[in-house]
Amino acid sequence: LNALQPGDVVTFQAPNTAVITHRITRVEQVAGLTYLETKGDANASPDPDLVPLSWVIGRVVFSVPLVGYLLALPSSPLGIVAMASLVLCLLVAHAFLLSVRAGSPRRPLAPGAG
């Protein structure tokens, strides 16, 4: 973690607070200790307090865009209805395909085939 630089995205946790993931805007040395100035990508200005390096849990290596929306979907009433509707549609489609397949006549294999 000593090679952190501006532009890196880090996850950190201050004592007794939530886990936060923000981008480093500046690395500063104060009295021999490393501090990070961070800013959330959706925020207009940097966070008010510097983050000591000891609070850093890790650096973001890769991310999957928009997956957070998918993970948050079950937490809203509309999301629950949407997911239940999707499952119901898939079950109906599966049942329909099974009934179509069961009702289709089987053709015998041509001699010498198979």
C-alpha atoms as a PDB file:
ATOM      1  CA  LEU A   1       0.000   0.000   0.000  1.00  0.00           C
ATOM      2  CA  ASN A   2       2.998   2.302   0.163  1.00  0.00           C
ATOM      3  CA  ALA A   3       2.858   2.796  -3.608  1.00  0.00           C
ATOM      4  CA  LEU A   4      -0.537   4.503  -3.540  1.00  0.00           C
ATOM      5  CA  GLN A   5      -0.814   7.568  -5.725  1.00  0.00           C
ATOM      6  CA  PRO A   6      -3.388  10.129  -6.828  1.00  0.00           C
ATOM      7  CA  GLY A   7      -5.985   8.522  -9.060  1.00  0.00           C
ATOM      8  CA  ASP A   8      -5.930   5.183  -7.217  1.00  0.00           C
ATOM      9  CA  VAL A   9      -9.217   4.101  -5.668  1.00  0.00           C
ATOM     10  CA  VAL A  10      -8.915   2.844  -2.098  1.00  0.00           C
ATOM     11  CA  THR A  11     -11.240   1.363   0.474  1.00  0.00           C
ATOM     12  CA  PHE A  12     -10.742   2.539   4.026  1.00  0.00           C
ATOM     13  CA  GLN A  13     -12.446   2.486   7.396  1.00  0.00           C
ATOM     14  CA  ALA A  14     -12.057   5.019  10.155  1.00  0.00           C
ATOM     15  CA  PRO A  15     -12.608   3.680  13.668  1.00  0.00           C
ATOM     16  CA  ASN A  16     -16.315   3.155  14.393  1.00  0.00           C
ATOM     17  CA  THR A  17     -17.440   4.197  10.907  1.00  0.00           C
ATOM     18  CA  ALA A  18     -18.638   2.612   7.701  1.00  0.00           C
ATOM     19  CA  VAL A  19     -16.319   1.272   5.038  1.00  0.00           C
ATOM     20  CA  ILE A  20     -15.735   3.926   2.353  1.00  0.00           C
ATOM     21  CA  THR A  21     -14.327   3.638  -1.163  1.00  0.00           C
ATOM     22  CA  HIS A  22     -12.982   6.889  -2.629  1.00  0.00           C
ATOM     23  CA  ARG A  23     -10.373   8.066  -5.097  1.00  0.00           C
ATOM     24  CA  ILE A  24      -7.047   9.488  -3.878  1.00  0.00           C
ATOM     25  CA  THR A  25      -6.583  13.118  -4.893  1.00  0.00           C
ATOM     26  CA  ARG A  26      -3.346  13.785  -3.017  1.00  0.00           C
ATOM     27  CA  VAL A  27      -0.764  11.909  -0.927  1.00  0.00           C
ATOM     28  CA  GLU A  28       0.788  13.892   1.906  1.00  0.00           C
ATOM     29  CA  GLN A  29       3.544  13.187   4.430  1.00  0.00           C
ATOM     30  CA  VAL A  30       2.960  14.662   7.897  1.00  0.00           C
ATOM     31  CA  ALA A  31       5.494  14.032  10.660  1.00  0.00           C
ATOM     32  CA  GLY A  32       6.783  10.973   8.835  1.00  0.00           C
ATOM     33  CA  LEU A  33       3.310   9.448   8.397  1.00  0.00           C
ATOM     34  CA  THR A  34       1.446   9.077   5.109  1.00  0.00           C
ATOM     35  CA  TYR A  35      -2.005  10.611   4.751  1.00  0.00           C
ATOM     36  CA  LEU A  36      -4.357  10.524   1.796  1.00  0.00           C
ATOM     37  CA  GLU A  37      -6.725  13.175   0.611  1.00  0.00           C
ATOM     38  CA  THR A  38      -9.708  11.368  -0.892  1.00  0.00           C
ATOM     39  CA  LYS A  39     -12.818  12.302  -2.816  1.00  0.00           C
ATOM     40  CA  GLY A  40     -15.857  10.345  -3.880  1.00  0.00           C
ATOM     41  CA  ASP A  41     -16.297  10.398  -7.651  1.00  0.00           C
ATOM     42  CA  ALA A  42     -19.804  11.826  -7.254  1.00  0.00           C
ATOM     43  CA  ASN A  43     -18.689  14.513  -4.781  1.00  0.00           C
ATOM     44  CA  ALA A  44     -17.808  18.061  -5.803  1.00  0.00           C
ATOM     45  CA  SER A  45     -14.983  18.501  -3.297  1.00  0.00           C
ATOM     46  CA  PRO A  46     -12.465  16.329  -1.438  1.00  0.00           C
ATOM     47  CA  ASP A  47     -13.332  14.765   1.900  1.00  0.00           C
ATOM     48  CA  PRO A  48     -12.804  17.184   4.808  1.00  0.00           C
ATOM     49  CA  ASP A  49     -10.351  14.960   6.704  1.00  0.00           C
ATOM     50  CA  LEU A  50      -7.141  13.311   5.576  1.00  0.00           C
ATOM     51  CA  VAL A  51      -7.094   9.508   5.736  1.00  0.00           C
ATOM     52  CA  PRO A  52      -4.147   7.920   7.561  1.00  0.00           C
ATOM     53  CA  LEU A  53      -2.562   5.105   5.593  1.00  0.00           C
ATOM     54  CA  SER A  54      -3.303   2.780   8.533  1.00  0.00           C
ATOM     55  CA  TRP A  55      -7.048   3.077   7.812  1.00  0.00           C
ATOM     56  CA  VAL A  56      -6.674   1.787   4.257  1.00  0.00           C
ATOM     57  CA  ILE A  57      -8.042  -1.722   3.784  1.00  0.00           C
ATOM     58  CA  GLY A  58      -6.998  -2.078   0.164  1.00  0.00           C
ATOM     59  CA  ARG A  59      -6.773  -0.644  -3.316  1.00  0.00           C
ATOM     60  CA  VAL A  60      -9.429  -1.302  -5.945  1.00  0.00           C
ATOM     61  CA  VAL A  61      -7.897  -3.421  -8.697  1.00  0.00           C
ATOM     62  CA  PHE A  62     -10.939  -3.859 -10.948  1.00  0.00           C
ATOM     63  CA  SER A  63     -14.642  -3.176 -10.894  1.00  0.00           C
ATOM     64  CA  VAL A  64     -17.712  -4.377 -12.722  1.00  0.00           C
ATOM     65  CA  PRO A  65     -19.709  -1.339 -13.850  1.00  0.00           C
ATOM     66  CA  LEU A  66     -23.343  -1.090 -12.730  1.00  0.00           C
ATOM     67  CA  VAL A  67     -23.275  -4.305 -10.671  1.00  0.00           C
ATOM     68  CA  GLY A  68     -24.079  -2.232  -7.583  1.00  0.00           C
ATOM     69  CA  TYR A  69     -27.482  -1.420  -9.039  1.00  0.00           C
ATOM     70  CA  LEU A  70     -28.176  -5.119  -9.487  1.00  0.00           C
ATOM     71  CA  LEU A  71     -27.138  -5.846  -5.905  1.00  0.00           C
ATOM     72  CA  ALA A  72     -29.326  -3.013  -4.594  1.00  0.00           C
ATOM     73  CA  LEU A  73     -32.368  -4.168  -6.567  1.00  0.00           C
ATOM     74  CA  PRO A  74     -33.762  -6.544  -3.904  1.00  0.00           C
ATOM     75  CA  SER A  75     -33.740  -3.778  -1.295  1.00  0.00           C
ATOM     76  CA  SER A  76     -36.521  -1.735  -2.912  1.00  0.00           C
ATOM     77  CA  PRO A  77     -40.191  -2.712  -3.286  1.00  0.00           C
ATOM     78  CA  LEU A  78     -40.078  -2.012  -7.017  1.00  0.00           C
ATOM     79  CA  GLY A  79     -36.970  -4.165  -7.329  1.00  0.00           C
ATOM     80  CA  ILE A  80     -38.628  -7.061  -5.521  1.00  0.00           C
ATOM     81  CA  VAL A  81     -41.655  -6.858  -7.824  1.00  0.00           C
ATOM     82  CA  ALA A  82     -39.390  -6.677 -10.883  1.00  0.00           C
ATOM     83  CA  MET A  83     -37.363  -9.702  -9.792  1.00  0.00           C
ATOM     84  CA  ALA A  84     -40.486 -11.718  -8.937  1.00  0.00           C
ATOM     85  CA  SER A  85     -41.981 -10.823 -12.334  1.00  0.00           C
ATOM     86  CA  LEU A  86     -38.818 -11.924 -14.101  1.00  0.00           C
ATOM     87  CA  VAL A  87     -38.788 -15.258 -12.278  1.00  0.00           C
ATOM     88  CA  LEU A  88     -42.477 -15.779 -13.069  1.00  0.00           C
ATOM     89  CA  CYS A  89     -41.913 -14.981 -16.760  1.00  0.00           C
ATOM     90  CA  LEU A  90     -39.011 -17.424 -16.921  1.00  0.00           C
ATOM     91  CA  LEU A  91     -41.098 -20.164 -15.297  1.00  0.00           C
ATOM     92  CA  VAL A  92     -43.993 -19.578 -17.708  1.00  0.00           C
ATOM     93  CA  ALA A  93     -41.619 -19.593 -20.695  1.00  0.00           C
ATOM     94  CA  HIS A  94     -40.012 -22.817 -19.471  1.00  0.00           C
ATOM     95  CA  ALA A  95     -43.410 -24.495 -19.007  1.00  0.00           C
ATOM     96  CA  PHE A  96     -44.501 -23.324 -22.465  1.00  0.00           C
ATOM     97  CA  LEU A  97     -41.365 -24.699 -24.105  1.00  0.00           C
ATOM     98  CA  LEU A  98     -41.806 -28.023 -22.313  1.00  0.00           C
ATOM     99  CA  SER A  99     -45.418 -28.294 -23.489  1.00  0.00           C
ATOM    100  CA  VAL A 100     -44.486 -27.426 -27.080  1.00  0.00           C
ATOM    101  CA  ARG A 101     -41.678 -29.952 -27.049  1.00  0.00           C
ATOM    102  CA  ALA A 102     -43.918 -32.664 -25.537  1.00  0.00           C
ATOM    103  CA  GLY A 103     -46.625 -32.057 -28.148  1.00  0.00           C
ATOM    104  CA  SER A 104     -44.377 -32.156 -31.207  1.00  0.00           C
ATOM    105  CA  PRO A 105     -44.398 -35.437 -33.124  1.00  0.00           C
ATOM    106  CA  ARG A 106     -41.185 -37.377 -33.195  1.00  0.00           C
ATOM    107  CA  ARG A 107     -39.777 -38.211 -36.586  1.00  0.00           C
ATOM    108  CA  PRO A 108     -38.018 -41.528 -36.954  1.00  0.00           C
ATOM    109  CA  LEU A 109     -34.385 -41.444 -37.902  1.00  0.00           C
ATOM    110  CA  ALA A 110     -33.602 -42.155 -41.515  1.00  0.00           C
ATOM    111  CA  PRO A 111     -32.094 -45.584 -42.132  1.00  0.00           C
ATOM    112  CA  GLY A 112     -28.373 -45.495 -41.528  1.00  0.00           C
ATOM    113  CA  ALA A 113     -28.544 -42.259 -39.507  1.00  0.00           C
ATOM    114  CA  GLY A 114     -27.341 -42.075 -35.962  1.00  0.00           C
END
